[in-house]
Amino acid sequence: MKTYEFTIIIGGVDPQNDDQMRKFEDKFFEAGGDDATISSIDNTMLAEFTRTAVDAEHALFDAMARIYRSDAKVLHVLPGFIDDTATLQACIDRAGAAVEQMLIAV
């Protein structure tokens, strides 16, 4: 297992709305997002992860799934663990497709 650090920009939650933020944070931490720090900068919400997984794809997939389970959206992933942009995009694409399939099945 390896530790991966990355940041996800989150949409669907207004960081200026305390009620929305509280609801998101409750759902997110209940879904197992306790390895992330939630913050906002200039009205943009961020989740900064330090996640242990077998590979980068699994780390990203799991983080994205927890965000979607919290009724929010993944807008962008800031690379912090993969230097090769093509590899990062492939991980995001595969993880995003898997998350979408998981949500359809529920």
N, C-alpha and C. Protein backbone atom coordinates (compact mmCIF):
# COMPACT_ATOMS: atom_id res chain seq x y z
N MET A 1 0.84 -1.18 0.00
CA MET A 1 0.00 0.00 0.00
C MET A 1 0.89 1.25 0.00
N LYS A 2 0.39 2.26 -0.67
CA LYS A 2 1.12 3.51 -0.79
C LYS A 2 0.19 4.67 -0.42
N THR A 3 0.75 5.76 0.04
CA THR A 3 -0.04 6.93 0.39
C THR A 3 -0.02 7.93 -0.76
N TYR A 4 -1.20 8.42 -1.13
CA TYR A 4 -1.36 9.38 -2.22
C TYR A 4 -1.96 10.66 -1.67
N GLU A 5 -1.44 11.78 -2.14
CA GLU A 5 -1.98 13.07 -1.75
C GLU A 5 -2.48 13.78 -3.00
N PHE A 6 -3.71 14.28 -2.93
CA PHE A 6 -4.31 14.98 -4.06
C PHE A 6 -5.45 15.86 -3.55
N THR A 7 -5.88 16.78 -4.39
CA THR A 7 -6.94 17.71 -4.04
C THR A 7 -8.05 17.59 -5.09
N ILE A 8 -9.29 17.56 -4.61
CA ILE A 8 -10.45 17.54 -5.50
C ILE A 8 -11.23 18.82 -5.29
N ILE A 9 -11.54 19.50 -6.40
CA ILE A 9 -12.41 20.67 -6.35
C ILE A 9 -13.85 20.16 -6.43
N ILE A 10 -14.65 20.59 -5.47
CA ILE A 10 -16.01 20.07 -5.30
C ILE A 10 -17.04 21.10 -5.74
N GLY A 11 -18.08 20.63 -6.42
CA GLY A 11 -19.19 21.48 -6.82
C GLY A 11 -20.48 20.97 -6.22
N GLY A 12 -21.53 21.76 -6.39
CA GLY A 12 -22.84 21.35 -5.90
C GLY A 12 -23.11 21.73 -4.47
N VAL A 13 -22.15 22.39 -3.83
CA VAL A 13 -22.30 22.86 -2.45
C VAL A 13 -21.78 24.29 -2.41
N ASP A 14 -22.57 25.19 -1.85
CA ASP A 14 -22.15 26.58 -1.75
C ASP A 14 -21.37 26.78 -0.46
N PRO A 15 -20.06 27.04 -0.54
CA PRO A 15 -19.27 27.20 0.67
C PRO A 15 -19.66 28.41 1.51
N GLN A 16 -20.44 29.32 0.93
CA GLN A 16 -20.92 30.48 1.68
C GLN A 16 -22.20 30.18 2.47
N ASN A 17 -22.81 29.03 2.19
CA ASN A 17 -24.05 28.63 2.86
C ASN A 17 -23.71 27.65 3.99
N ASP A 18 -23.77 28.13 5.22
CA ASP A 18 -23.38 27.31 6.37
C ASP A 18 -24.19 26.02 6.47
N ASP A 19 -25.49 26.10 6.17
CA ASP A 19 -26.34 24.90 6.26
C ASP A 19 -25.90 23.85 5.24
N GLN A 20 -25.67 24.28 3.99
CA GLN A 20 -25.21 23.34 2.96
C GLN A 20 -23.86 22.74 3.32
N MET A 21 -22.96 23.57 3.82
CA MET A 21 -21.63 23.07 4.20
C MET A 21 -21.73 22.05 5.32
N ARG A 22 -22.54 22.34 6.33
CA ARG A 22 -22.70 21.43 7.46
C ARG A 22 -23.27 20.08 6.99
N LYS A 23 -24.30 20.14 6.13
CA LYS A 23 -24.90 18.90 5.62
C LYS A 23 -23.89 18.10 4.80
N PHE A 24 -23.15 18.79 3.93
CA PHE A 24 -22.14 18.08 3.13
C PHE A 24 -21.10 17.44 4.03
N GLU A 25 -20.55 18.21 4.97
CA GLU A 25 -19.50 17.69 5.84
C GLU A 25 -20.00 16.49 6.63
N ASP A 26 -21.23 16.55 7.15
CA ASP A 26 -21.78 15.41 7.89
C ASP A 26 -21.86 14.17 7.01
N LYS A 27 -22.42 14.33 5.81
CA LYS A 27 -22.55 13.19 4.89
C LYS A 27 -21.18 12.67 4.46
N PHE A 28 -20.27 13.59 4.18
CA PHE A 28 -18.94 13.22 3.70
C PHE A 28 -18.19 12.42 4.75
N PHE A 29 -18.20 12.88 5.98
CA PHE A 29 -17.47 12.16 7.03
C PHE A 29 -18.17 10.86 7.40
N GLU A 30 -19.52 10.82 7.33
CA GLU A 30 -20.24 9.57 7.55
C GLU A 30 -19.92 8.55 6.45
N ALA A 31 -19.62 9.05 5.24
CA ALA A 31 -19.28 8.17 4.12
C ALA A 31 -17.82 7.72 4.17
N GLY A 32 -17.08 8.16 5.19
CA GLY A 32 -15.69 7.72 5.33
C GLY A 32 -14.65 8.68 4.81
N GLY A 33 -15.02 9.93 4.63
CA GLY A 33 -14.08 10.92 4.12
C GLY A 33 -13.22 11.56 5.19
N ASP A 34 -12.90 10.82 6.23
CA ASP A 34 -12.17 11.39 7.35
C ASP A 34 -10.67 11.55 7.08
N ASP A 35 -10.22 11.18 5.89
CA ASP A 35 -8.81 11.37 5.54
C ASP A 35 -8.62 12.59 4.63
N ALA A 36 -9.63 13.47 4.65
CA ALA A 36 -9.55 14.68 3.82
C ALA A 36 -9.79 15.91 4.70
N THR A 37 -9.21 17.01 4.26
CA THR A 37 -9.46 18.30 4.89
C THR A 37 -10.31 19.11 3.93
N ILE A 38 -11.47 19.56 4.40
CA ILE A 38 -12.38 20.36 3.59
C ILE A 38 -12.08 21.83 3.85
N SER A 39 -11.98 22.61 2.77
CA SER A 39 -11.75 24.04 2.91
C SER A 39 -12.36 24.76 1.72
N SER A 40 -12.38 26.08 1.78
CA SER A 40 -12.83 26.86 0.63
C SER A 40 -11.89 28.05 0.44
N ILE A 41 -11.65 28.34 -0.82
CA ILE A 41 -10.82 29.48 -1.21
C ILE A 41 -11.56 30.22 -2.31
N ASP A 42 -11.81 31.50 -2.10
CA ASP A 42 -12.50 32.31 -3.11
C ASP A 42 -13.77 31.63 -3.63
N ASN A 43 -14.59 31.14 -2.71
CA ASN A 43 -15.88 30.51 -3.04
C ASN A 43 -15.74 29.19 -3.80
N THR A 44 -14.56 28.58 -3.74
CA THR A 44 -14.32 27.27 -4.34
C THR A 44 -14.06 26.28 -3.22
N MET A 45 -14.81 25.19 -3.22
CA MET A 45 -14.66 24.19 -2.17
C MET A 45 -13.65 23.13 -2.58
N LEU A 46 -12.76 22.78 -1.65
CA LEU A 46 -11.69 21.82 -1.89
C LEU A 46 -11.73 20.70 -0.86
N ALA A 47 -11.34 19.52 -1.29
CA ALA A 47 -11.09 18.40 -0.37
C ALA A 47 -9.67 17.95 -0.63
N GLU A 48 -8.82 18.09 0.37
CA GLU A 48 -7.42 17.70 0.26
C GLU A 48 -7.24 16.35 0.93
N PHE A 49 -6.90 15.35 0.14
CA PHE A 49 -6.83 13.97 0.61
C PHE A 49 -5.40 13.51 0.87
N THR A 50 -5.25 12.70 1.86
CA THR A 50 -4.07 11.87 2.08
C THR A 50 -4.64 10.47 2.26
N ARG A 51 -4.53 9.66 1.21
CA ARG A 51 -5.24 8.40 1.15
C ARG A 51 -4.28 7.25 0.88
N THR A 52 -4.42 6.17 1.63
CA THR A 52 -3.62 4.97 1.44
C THR A 52 -4.41 3.98 0.59
N ALA A 53 -3.80 3.49 -0.47
CA ALA A 53 -4.47 2.54 -1.37
C ALA A 53 -3.43 1.72 -2.11
N VAL A 54 -3.90 0.68 -2.80
CA VAL A 54 -2.98 -0.19 -3.55
C VAL A 54 -2.39 0.54 -4.75
N ASP A 55 -3.16 1.48 -5.33
CA ASP A 55 -2.64 2.27 -6.45
C ASP A 55 -3.40 3.59 -6.54
N ALA A 56 -2.95 4.46 -7.42
CA ALA A 56 -3.54 5.79 -7.55
C ALA A 56 -4.99 5.73 -7.99
N GLU A 57 -5.30 4.81 -8.89
CA GLU A 57 -6.67 4.71 -9.38
C GLU A 57 -7.64 4.38 -8.25
N HIS A 58 -7.26 3.44 -7.38
CA HIS A 58 -8.13 3.08 -6.26
C HIS A 58 -8.26 4.24 -5.27
N ALA A 59 -7.19 4.95 -5.03
CA ALA A 59 -7.24 6.10 -4.13
C ALA A 59 -8.21 7.16 -4.66
N LEU A 60 -8.11 7.45 -5.94
CA LEU A 60 -8.95 8.46 -6.56
C LEU A 60 -10.41 8.00 -6.64
N PHE A 61 -10.62 6.75 -7.05
CA PHE A 61 -11.98 6.21 -7.16
C PHE A 61 -12.71 6.32 -5.82
N ASP A 62 -12.05 5.89 -4.77
CA ASP A 62 -12.69 5.89 -3.47
C ASP A 62 -13.01 7.31 -3.01
N ALA A 63 -12.10 8.23 -3.22
CA ALA A 63 -12.34 9.62 -2.82
C ALA A 63 -13.51 10.22 -3.61
N MET A 64 -13.53 9.98 -4.92
CA MET A 64 -14.62 10.50 -5.74
C MET A 64 -15.95 9.90 -5.33
N ALA A 65 -15.98 8.61 -5.05
CA ALA A 65 -17.22 7.95 -4.64
C ALA A 65 -17.77 8.57 -3.36
N ARG A 66 -16.90 8.87 -2.43
CA ARG A 66 -17.35 9.46 -1.17
C ARG A 66 -17.91 10.88 -1.37
N ILE A 67 -17.35 11.61 -2.31
CA ILE A 67 -17.89 12.94 -2.62
C ILE A 67 -19.27 12.82 -3.24
N TYR A 68 -19.42 11.91 -4.22
CA TYR A 68 -20.72 11.73 -4.85
C TYR A 68 -21.76 11.21 -3.86
N ARG A 69 -21.37 10.34 -2.94
CA ARG A 69 -22.30 9.85 -1.91
C ARG A 69 -22.75 10.96 -0.98
N SER A 70 -22.03 12.05 -0.97
CA SER A 70 -22.35 13.18 -0.10
C SER A 70 -23.18 14.23 -0.84
N ASP A 71 -23.73 13.85 -1.99
CA ASP A 71 -24.58 14.72 -2.81
C ASP A 71 -23.84 15.94 -3.35
N ALA A 72 -22.56 15.76 -3.65
CA ALA A 72 -21.76 16.81 -4.26
C ALA A 72 -21.18 16.27 -5.58
N LYS A 73 -20.45 17.10 -6.28
CA LYS A 73 -19.88 16.73 -7.57
C LYS A 73 -18.37 16.95 -7.57
N VAL A 74 -17.68 16.12 -8.34
CA VAL A 74 -16.25 16.30 -8.56
C VAL A 74 -16.11 17.19 -9.80
N LEU A 75 -15.54 18.37 -9.60
CA LEU A 75 -15.35 19.29 -10.72
C LEU A 75 -13.97 19.13 -11.36
N HIS A 76 -12.97 18.86 -10.52
CA HIS A 76 -11.61 18.79 -11.04
C HIS A 76 -10.71 18.10 -10.01
N VAL A 77 -9.71 17.41 -10.50
CA VAL A 77 -8.72 16.79 -9.62
C VAL A 77 -7.38 17.48 -9.86
N LEU A 78 -6.79 17.97 -8.78
CA LEU A 78 -5.47 18.60 -8.88
C LEU A 78 -4.43 17.54 -8.59
N PRO A 79 -3.56 17.27 -9.55
CA PRO A 79 -2.58 16.19 -9.37
C PRO A 79 -1.58 16.52 -8.27
N GLY A 80 -1.39 15.57 -7.42
CA GLY A 80 -0.38 15.71 -6.40
C GLY A 80 0.39 14.42 -6.27
N PHE A 81 -0.06 13.40 -7.00
CA PHE A 81 0.53 12.09 -6.82
C PHE A 81 0.96 11.43 -8.12
N ILE A 82 0.63 12.01 -9.26
CA ILE A 82 1.03 11.44 -10.55
C ILE A 82 1.65 12.57 -11.37
N ASP A 83 2.87 12.39 -11.79
CA ASP A 83 3.55 13.43 -12.56
C ASP A 83 3.13 13.45 -14.02
N ASP A 84 2.73 12.32 -14.54
CA ASP A 84 2.37 12.20 -15.94
C ASP A 84 0.89 12.57 -16.12
N THR A 85 0.62 13.66 -16.84
CA THR A 85 -0.75 14.15 -17.02
C THR A 85 -1.64 13.13 -17.71
N ALA A 86 -1.12 12.41 -18.69
CA ALA A 86 -1.92 11.41 -19.39
C ALA A 86 -2.34 10.29 -18.44
N THR A 87 -1.45 9.86 -17.58
CA THR A 87 -1.78 8.83 -16.60
C THR A 87 -2.83 9.34 -15.63
N LEU A 88 -2.69 10.58 -15.17
CA LEU A 88 -3.67 11.16 -14.27
C LEU A 88 -5.03 11.20 -14.95
N GLN A 89 -5.10 11.66 -16.19
CA GLN A 89 -6.38 11.76 -16.89
C GLN A 89 -7.00 10.37 -17.07
N ALA A 90 -6.20 9.37 -17.36
CA ALA A 90 -6.71 8.00 -17.50
C ALA A 90 -7.30 7.52 -16.18
N CYS A 91 -6.63 7.80 -15.06
CA CYS A 91 -7.15 7.43 -13.73
C CYS A 91 -8.47 8.13 -13.46
N ILE A 92 -8.54 9.43 -13.76
CA ILE A 92 -9.77 10.19 -13.53
C ILE A 92 -10.90 9.62 -14.38
N ASP A 93 -10.63 9.35 -15.66
CA ASP A 93 -11.65 8.82 -16.55
C ASP A 93 -12.18 7.47 -16.06
N ARG A 94 -11.26 6.55 -15.72
CA ARG A 94 -11.68 5.22 -15.25
C ARG A 94 -12.42 5.32 -13.92
N ALA A 95 -11.92 6.13 -13.01
CA ALA A 95 -12.57 6.27 -11.71
C ALA A 95 -13.94 6.92 -11.87
N GLY A 96 -14.02 7.95 -12.70
CA GLY A 96 -15.31 8.62 -12.92
C GLY A 96 -16.34 7.70 -13.53
N ALA A 97 -15.94 6.89 -14.51
CA ALA A 97 -16.87 5.94 -15.13
C ALA A 97 -17.32 4.90 -14.12
N ALA A 98 -16.42 4.43 -13.29
CA ALA A 98 -16.77 3.43 -12.28
C ALA A 98 -17.72 4.03 -11.25
N VAL A 99 -17.48 5.27 -10.85
CA VAL A 99 -18.38 5.92 -9.88
C VAL A 99 -19.76 6.09 -10.49
N GLU A 100 -19.83 6.51 -11.75
CA GLU A 100 -21.13 6.68 -12.41
C GLU A 100 -21.89 5.36 -12.46
N GLN A 101 -21.21 4.26 -12.79
CA GLN A 101 -21.85 2.95 -12.83
C GLN A 101 -22.35 2.56 -11.43
N MET A 102 -21.55 2.85 -10.43
CA MET A 102 -21.95 2.53 -9.05
C MET A 102 -23.21 3.31 -8.68
N LEU A 103 -23.29 4.58 -9.05
CA LEU A 103 -24.45 5.40 -8.72
C LEU A 103 -25.69 4.95 -9.48
N ILE A 104 -25.52 4.51 -10.72
CA ILE A 104 -26.64 4.02 -11.50
C ILE A 104 -27.21 2.75 -10.86
N ALA A 105 -26.34 1.92 -10.34
CA ALA A 105 -26.75 0.64 -9.75
C ALA A 105 -27.52 0.83 -8.45
N VAL A 106 -27.31 1.98 -7.79
CA VAL A 106 -27.96 2.20 -6.48
C VAL A 106 -29.36 2.66 -6.62
